[in-house]
Amino acid sequence: MTVLTQPTQLTKYIRITGDRNAKFVEFDFAIQDPTLFVELVLPQQAFQHFCEINQVIEMNEEQKAWNDAQEDKWRYGEEPDVLNPIAQQALMQTNKHIFNVENPVSE
């Protein structure tokens, strides 16, 4: 006998990276893990529809800070604290909340 279960509802995140009111909306889209995202561009009406059917939520400030710090790391080849102490502090706070760890993982 096969038991069917309901699929788990995954959280879907967006972060608008361009002008919210522009003809085309530039945004990041992530599923379940806000640190793993794709960059997308859609016309305004299609963006609204996309958000509705995917039941998205906007990334919070901590998630945005984490992504910004990681982008700086890749862009400049340095850990965020070297570039911006505030970003490093946000990174540590985000680790505590998102990943349930006390300190960021060193590479």
N, C-alpha and C. Protein backbone atom coordinates (compact mmCIF):
# COMPACT_ATOMS: atom_id res chain seq x y z
N MET A 1 0.84 -1.18 0.00
CA MET A 1 0.00 0.00 0.00
C MET A 1 0.89 1.24 0.00
N THR A 2 0.61 2.17 -0.87
CA THR A 2 1.38 3.40 -0.98
C THR A 2 0.66 4.51 -0.22
N VAL A 3 1.41 5.18 0.64
CA VAL A 3 0.86 6.30 1.40
C VAL A 3 1.34 7.59 0.75
N LEU A 4 0.43 8.42 0.36
CA LEU A 4 0.78 9.71 -0.25
C LEU A 4 0.85 10.76 0.84
N THR A 5 1.89 11.57 0.79
CA THR A 5 2.02 12.67 1.74
C THR A 5 1.98 13.98 0.99
N GLN A 6 1.60 15.00 1.68
CA GLN A 6 1.58 16.34 1.08
C GLN A 6 3.01 16.83 0.90
N PRO A 7 3.31 17.46 -0.22
CA PRO A 7 4.67 18.00 -0.41
C PRO A 7 4.93 19.12 0.59
N THR A 8 6.16 19.22 1.01
CA THR A 8 6.55 20.27 1.94
C THR A 8 6.54 21.62 1.22
N GLN A 9 5.94 22.60 1.84
CA GLN A 9 5.90 23.95 1.28
C GLN A 9 7.25 24.61 1.49
N LEU A 10 7.93 24.96 0.43
CA LEU A 10 9.23 25.61 0.51
C LEU A 10 9.05 27.13 0.52
N THR A 11 9.85 27.80 1.34
CA THR A 11 9.82 29.25 1.40
C THR A 11 10.53 29.81 0.17
N LYS A 12 9.91 30.79 -0.46
CA LYS A 12 10.49 31.42 -1.65
C LYS A 12 10.73 32.89 -1.35
N TYR A 13 11.95 33.32 -1.63
CA TYR A 13 12.39 34.67 -1.30
C TYR A 13 12.64 35.50 -2.56
N ILE A 14 12.41 36.80 -2.43
CA ILE A 14 12.85 37.73 -3.48
C ILE A 14 13.60 38.87 -2.82
N ARG A 15 14.44 39.50 -3.61
CA ARG A 15 15.12 40.73 -3.21
C ARG A 15 15.19 41.59 -4.46
N ILE A 16 14.49 42.70 -4.43
CA ILE A 16 14.50 43.60 -5.57
C ILE A 16 15.82 44.35 -5.59
N THR A 17 16.54 44.23 -6.69
CA THR A 17 17.86 44.84 -6.78
C THR A 17 17.89 46.08 -7.67
N GLY A 18 16.83 46.30 -8.42
CA GLY A 18 16.74 47.47 -9.27
C GLY A 18 15.61 48.37 -8.80
N ASP A 19 15.18 49.25 -9.66
CA ASP A 19 14.08 50.17 -9.36
C ASP A 19 12.76 49.39 -9.32
N ARG A 20 12.10 49.43 -8.19
CA ARG A 20 10.85 48.68 -7.99
C ARG A 20 9.76 49.13 -8.97
N ASN A 21 9.78 50.36 -9.40
CA ASN A 21 8.74 50.90 -10.27
C ASN A 21 9.15 51.00 -11.74
N ALA A 22 10.29 50.42 -12.08
CA ALA A 22 10.76 50.47 -13.47
C ALA A 22 9.91 49.57 -14.36
N LYS A 23 10.05 49.75 -15.66
CA LYS A 23 9.32 48.92 -16.62
C LYS A 23 9.68 47.44 -16.44
N PHE A 24 10.98 47.18 -16.19
CA PHE A 24 11.45 45.83 -15.91
C PHE A 24 11.99 45.79 -14.49
N VAL A 25 11.60 44.77 -13.74
CA VAL A 25 12.02 44.63 -12.35
C VAL A 25 13.18 43.64 -12.28
N GLU A 26 14.30 44.10 -11.74
CA GLU A 26 15.47 43.24 -11.51
C GLU A 26 15.38 42.74 -10.08
N PHE A 27 15.55 41.41 -9.91
CA PHE A 27 15.43 40.86 -8.55
C PHE A 27 16.17 39.54 -8.43
N ASP A 28 16.46 39.18 -7.17
CA ASP A 28 17.02 37.89 -6.84
C ASP A 28 15.88 37.00 -6.38
N PHE A 29 15.96 35.71 -6.73
CA PHE A 29 14.93 34.75 -6.34
C PHE A 29 15.61 33.53 -5.74
N ALA A 30 15.16 33.13 -4.55
CA ALA A 30 15.73 31.97 -3.87
C ALA A 30 14.61 31.07 -3.37
N ILE A 31 14.91 29.77 -3.33
CA ILE A 31 13.96 28.80 -2.79
C ILE A 31 14.59 28.14 -1.58
N GLN A 32 13.98 28.31 -0.44
CA GLN A 32 14.34 27.72 0.85
C GLN A 32 15.62 28.30 1.45
N ASP A 33 16.66 28.49 0.68
CA ASP A 33 17.93 29.01 1.17
C ASP A 33 18.18 30.38 0.55
N PRO A 34 18.02 31.46 1.34
CA PRO A 34 18.16 32.80 0.75
C PRO A 34 19.57 33.14 0.29
N THR A 35 20.55 32.30 0.64
CA THR A 35 21.92 32.56 0.20
C THR A 35 22.22 31.96 -1.16
N LEU A 36 21.29 31.16 -1.69
CA LEU A 36 21.46 30.54 -3.00
C LEU A 36 20.34 31.06 -3.90
N PHE A 37 20.69 32.01 -4.76
CA PHE A 37 19.65 32.68 -5.54
C PHE A 37 20.07 32.85 -6.99
N VAL A 38 19.08 33.14 -7.82
CA VAL A 38 19.33 33.50 -9.22
C VAL A 38 18.89 34.94 -9.42
N GLU A 39 19.52 35.59 -10.37
CA GLU A 39 19.13 36.95 -10.71
C GLU A 39 18.17 36.89 -11.89
N LEU A 40 17.04 37.56 -11.74
CA LEU A 40 16.02 37.55 -12.79
C LEU A 40 15.59 38.96 -13.14
N VAL A 41 15.02 39.11 -14.34
CA VAL A 41 14.44 40.36 -14.80
C VAL A 41 13.12 40.01 -15.46
N LEU A 42 12.05 40.68 -15.02
CA LEU A 42 10.73 40.47 -15.59
C LEU A 42 10.03 41.81 -15.79
N PRO A 43 9.14 41.90 -16.79
CA PRO A 43 8.30 43.09 -16.90
C PRO A 43 7.44 43.22 -15.63
N GLN A 44 7.07 44.43 -15.31
CA GLN A 44 6.35 44.73 -14.07
C GLN A 44 5.16 43.78 -13.83
N GLN A 45 4.29 43.64 -14.81
CA GLN A 45 3.09 42.81 -14.64
C GLN A 45 3.46 41.34 -14.43
N ALA A 46 4.44 40.85 -15.17
CA ALA A 46 4.89 39.46 -15.02
C ALA A 46 5.52 39.25 -13.64
N PHE A 47 6.24 40.27 -13.14
CA PHE A 47 6.84 40.19 -11.82
C PHE A 47 5.75 40.05 -10.75
N GLN A 48 4.71 40.87 -10.86
CA GLN A 48 3.61 40.80 -9.90
C GLN A 48 2.97 39.42 -9.92
N HIS A 49 2.75 38.89 -11.10
CA HIS A 49 2.15 37.56 -11.24
C HIS A 49 3.09 36.48 -10.66
N PHE A 50 4.37 36.59 -10.96
CA PHE A 50 5.38 35.67 -10.45
C PHE A 50 5.36 35.63 -8.92
N CYS A 51 5.30 36.80 -8.30
CA CYS A 51 5.27 36.88 -6.84
C CYS A 51 4.00 36.25 -6.26
N GLU A 52 2.89 36.48 -6.91
CA GLU A 52 1.62 35.92 -6.44
C GLU A 52 1.60 34.40 -6.52
N ILE A 53 1.97 33.85 -7.66
CA ILE A 53 1.86 32.40 -7.82
C ILE A 53 2.91 31.65 -7.00
N ASN A 54 4.04 32.31 -6.70
CA ASN A 54 5.08 31.68 -5.90
C ASN A 54 4.97 32.00 -4.41
N GLN A 55 4.05 32.86 -4.05
CA GLN A 55 3.83 33.25 -2.65
C GLN A 55 5.16 33.63 -1.99
N VAL A 56 5.85 34.57 -2.61
CA VAL A 56 7.18 34.96 -2.15
C VAL A 56 7.12 35.87 -0.92
N ILE A 57 8.23 35.90 -0.21
CA ILE A 57 8.44 36.88 0.85
C ILE A 57 9.74 37.60 0.54
N GLU A 58 9.86 38.83 0.97
CA GLU A 58 11.09 39.58 0.73
C GLU A 58 12.14 39.17 1.75
N MET A 59 13.39 39.10 1.29
CA MET A 59 14.49 38.80 2.21
C MET A 59 14.55 39.88 3.27
N ASN A 60 14.89 39.47 4.50
CA ASN A 60 15.02 40.46 5.56
C ASN A 60 16.41 41.10 5.51
N GLU A 61 16.63 42.08 6.36
CA GLU A 61 17.89 42.84 6.33
C GLU A 61 19.10 41.95 6.61
N GLU A 62 18.96 41.00 7.51
CA GLU A 62 20.08 40.10 7.82
C GLU A 62 20.44 39.23 6.62
N GLN A 63 19.43 38.73 5.94
CA GLN A 63 19.69 37.91 4.75
C GLN A 63 20.35 38.74 3.65
N LYS A 64 19.88 39.97 3.48
CA LYS A 64 20.48 40.85 2.48
C LYS A 64 21.94 41.15 2.84
N ALA A 65 22.21 41.42 4.13
CA ALA A 65 23.58 41.72 4.57
C ALA A 65 24.50 40.53 4.33
N TRP A 66 24.00 39.33 4.60
CA TRP A 66 24.80 38.13 4.37
C TRP A 66 25.16 38.02 2.88
N ASN A 67 24.17 38.17 2.02
CA ASN A 67 24.41 38.06 0.58
C ASN A 67 25.36 39.15 0.09
N ASP A 68 25.21 40.38 0.63
CA ASP A 68 26.10 41.47 0.25
C ASP A 68 27.54 41.16 0.68
N ALA A 69 27.70 40.64 1.90
CA ALA A 69 29.03 40.32 2.40
C ALA A 69 29.68 39.22 1.56
N GLN A 70 28.90 38.22 1.19
CA GLN A 70 29.45 37.15 0.36
C GLN A 70 29.81 37.65 -1.04
N GLU A 71 29.00 38.56 -1.57
CA GLU A 71 29.31 39.14 -2.87
C GLU A 71 30.61 39.94 -2.81
N ASP A 72 30.80 40.70 -1.73
CA ASP A 72 32.05 41.44 -1.55
C ASP A 72 33.23 40.49 -1.45
N LYS A 73 33.02 39.38 -0.75
CA LYS A 73 34.09 38.39 -0.59
C LYS A 73 34.53 37.88 -1.96
N TRP A 74 33.57 37.53 -2.80
CA TRP A 74 33.91 37.03 -4.13
C TRP A 74 34.47 38.13 -5.03
N ARG A 75 33.93 39.33 -4.90
CA ARG A 75 34.37 40.43 -5.77
C ARG A 75 35.79 40.87 -5.43
N TYR A 76 36.09 40.99 -4.12
CA TYR A 76 37.37 41.54 -3.70
C TYR A 76 38.35 40.49 -3.18
N GLY A 77 37.88 39.26 -3.00
CA GLY A 77 38.77 38.20 -2.55
C GLY A 77 39.17 38.30 -1.10
N GLU A 78 38.40 39.03 -0.30
CA GLU A 78 38.72 39.21 1.11
C GLU A 78 37.48 38.97 1.94
N GLU A 79 37.72 38.57 3.18
CA GLU A 79 36.60 38.37 4.10
C GLU A 79 35.91 39.71 4.35
N PRO A 80 34.61 39.70 4.63
CA PRO A 80 33.85 40.94 4.81
C PRO A 80 34.40 41.86 5.89
N ASP A 81 34.99 41.33 6.97
CA ASP A 81 35.46 42.20 8.05
C ASP A 81 36.61 43.09 7.61
N VAL A 82 37.37 42.67 6.60
CA VAL A 82 38.46 43.49 6.09
C VAL A 82 37.90 44.69 5.35
N LEU A 83 36.78 44.48 4.68
CA LEU A 83 36.18 45.54 3.88
C LEU A 83 35.23 46.42 4.69
N ASN A 84 34.48 45.78 5.58
CA ASN A 84 33.42 46.52 6.25
C ASN A 84 33.09 45.85 7.58
N PRO A 85 33.53 46.43 8.70
CA PRO A 85 33.26 45.82 10.01
C PRO A 85 31.77 45.66 10.29
N ILE A 86 30.94 46.55 9.78
CA ILE A 86 29.50 46.44 10.01
C ILE A 86 28.95 45.21 9.30
N ALA A 87 29.44 44.95 8.09
CA ALA A 87 29.00 43.76 7.36
C ALA A 87 29.43 42.50 8.09
N GLN A 88 30.63 42.50 8.69
CA GLN A 88 31.08 41.34 9.44
C GLN A 88 30.18 41.09 10.64
N GLN A 89 29.80 42.14 11.34
CA GLN A 89 28.91 41.98 12.49
C GLN A 89 27.55 41.43 12.03
N ALA A 90 27.03 41.94 10.92
CA ALA A 90 25.77 41.44 10.38
C ALA A 90 25.92 39.98 9.99
N LEU A 91 27.07 39.63 9.44
CA LEU A 91 27.34 38.25 9.05
C LEU A 91 27.29 37.33 10.26
N MET A 92 27.89 37.73 11.35
CA MET A 92 27.89 36.91 12.57
C MET A 92 26.49 36.77 13.13
N GLN A 93 25.73 37.85 13.14
CA GLN A 93 24.35 37.79 13.63
C GLN A 93 23.50 36.88 12.74
N THR A 94 23.71 36.98 11.45
CA THR A 94 22.96 36.16 10.51
C THR A 94 23.28 34.68 10.72
N ASN A 95 24.56 34.37 10.95
CA ASN A 95 24.94 32.99 11.21
C ASN A 95 24.18 32.44 12.40
N LYS A 96 24.06 33.23 13.43
CA LYS A 96 23.36 32.78 14.63
C LYS A 96 21.90 32.49 14.34
N HIS A 97 21.27 33.34 13.54
CA HIS A 97 19.84 33.20 13.27
C HIS A 97 19.52 32.20 12.17
N ILE A 98 20.28 32.24 11.09
CA ILE A 98 19.97 31.38 9.95
C ILE A 98 20.52 29.98 10.14
N PHE A 99 21.77 29.89 10.60
CA PHE A 99 22.43 28.59 10.61
C PHE A 99 22.57 28.00 12.01
N ASN A 100 22.10 28.72 13.04
CA ASN A 100 22.19 28.24 14.41
C ASN A 100 23.62 27.88 14.82
N VAL A 101 24.56 28.75 14.51
CA VAL A 101 25.94 28.56 14.94
C VAL A 101 26.40 29.83 15.63
N GLU A 102 27.42 29.68 16.46
CA GLU A 102 27.92 30.83 17.22
C GLU A 102 28.90 31.69 16.42
N ASN A 103 29.73 31.06 15.58
CA ASN A 103 30.73 31.80 14.83
C ASN A 103 30.67 31.40 13.36
N PRO A 104 31.01 32.35 12.45
CA PRO A 104 31.01 31.98 11.03
C PRO A 104 32.09 30.94 10.76
N VAL A 105 31.88 30.14 9.76
CA VAL A 105 32.82 29.12 9.37
C VAL A 105 34.00 29.78 8.68
N SER A 106 35.21 29.45 9.10
CA SER A 106 36.41 29.99 8.45
C SER A 106 36.78 29.09 7.30
N GLU A 107 37.31 29.71 6.28
CA GLU A 107 37.76 28.93 5.11
C GLU A 107 39.24 28.88 5.09
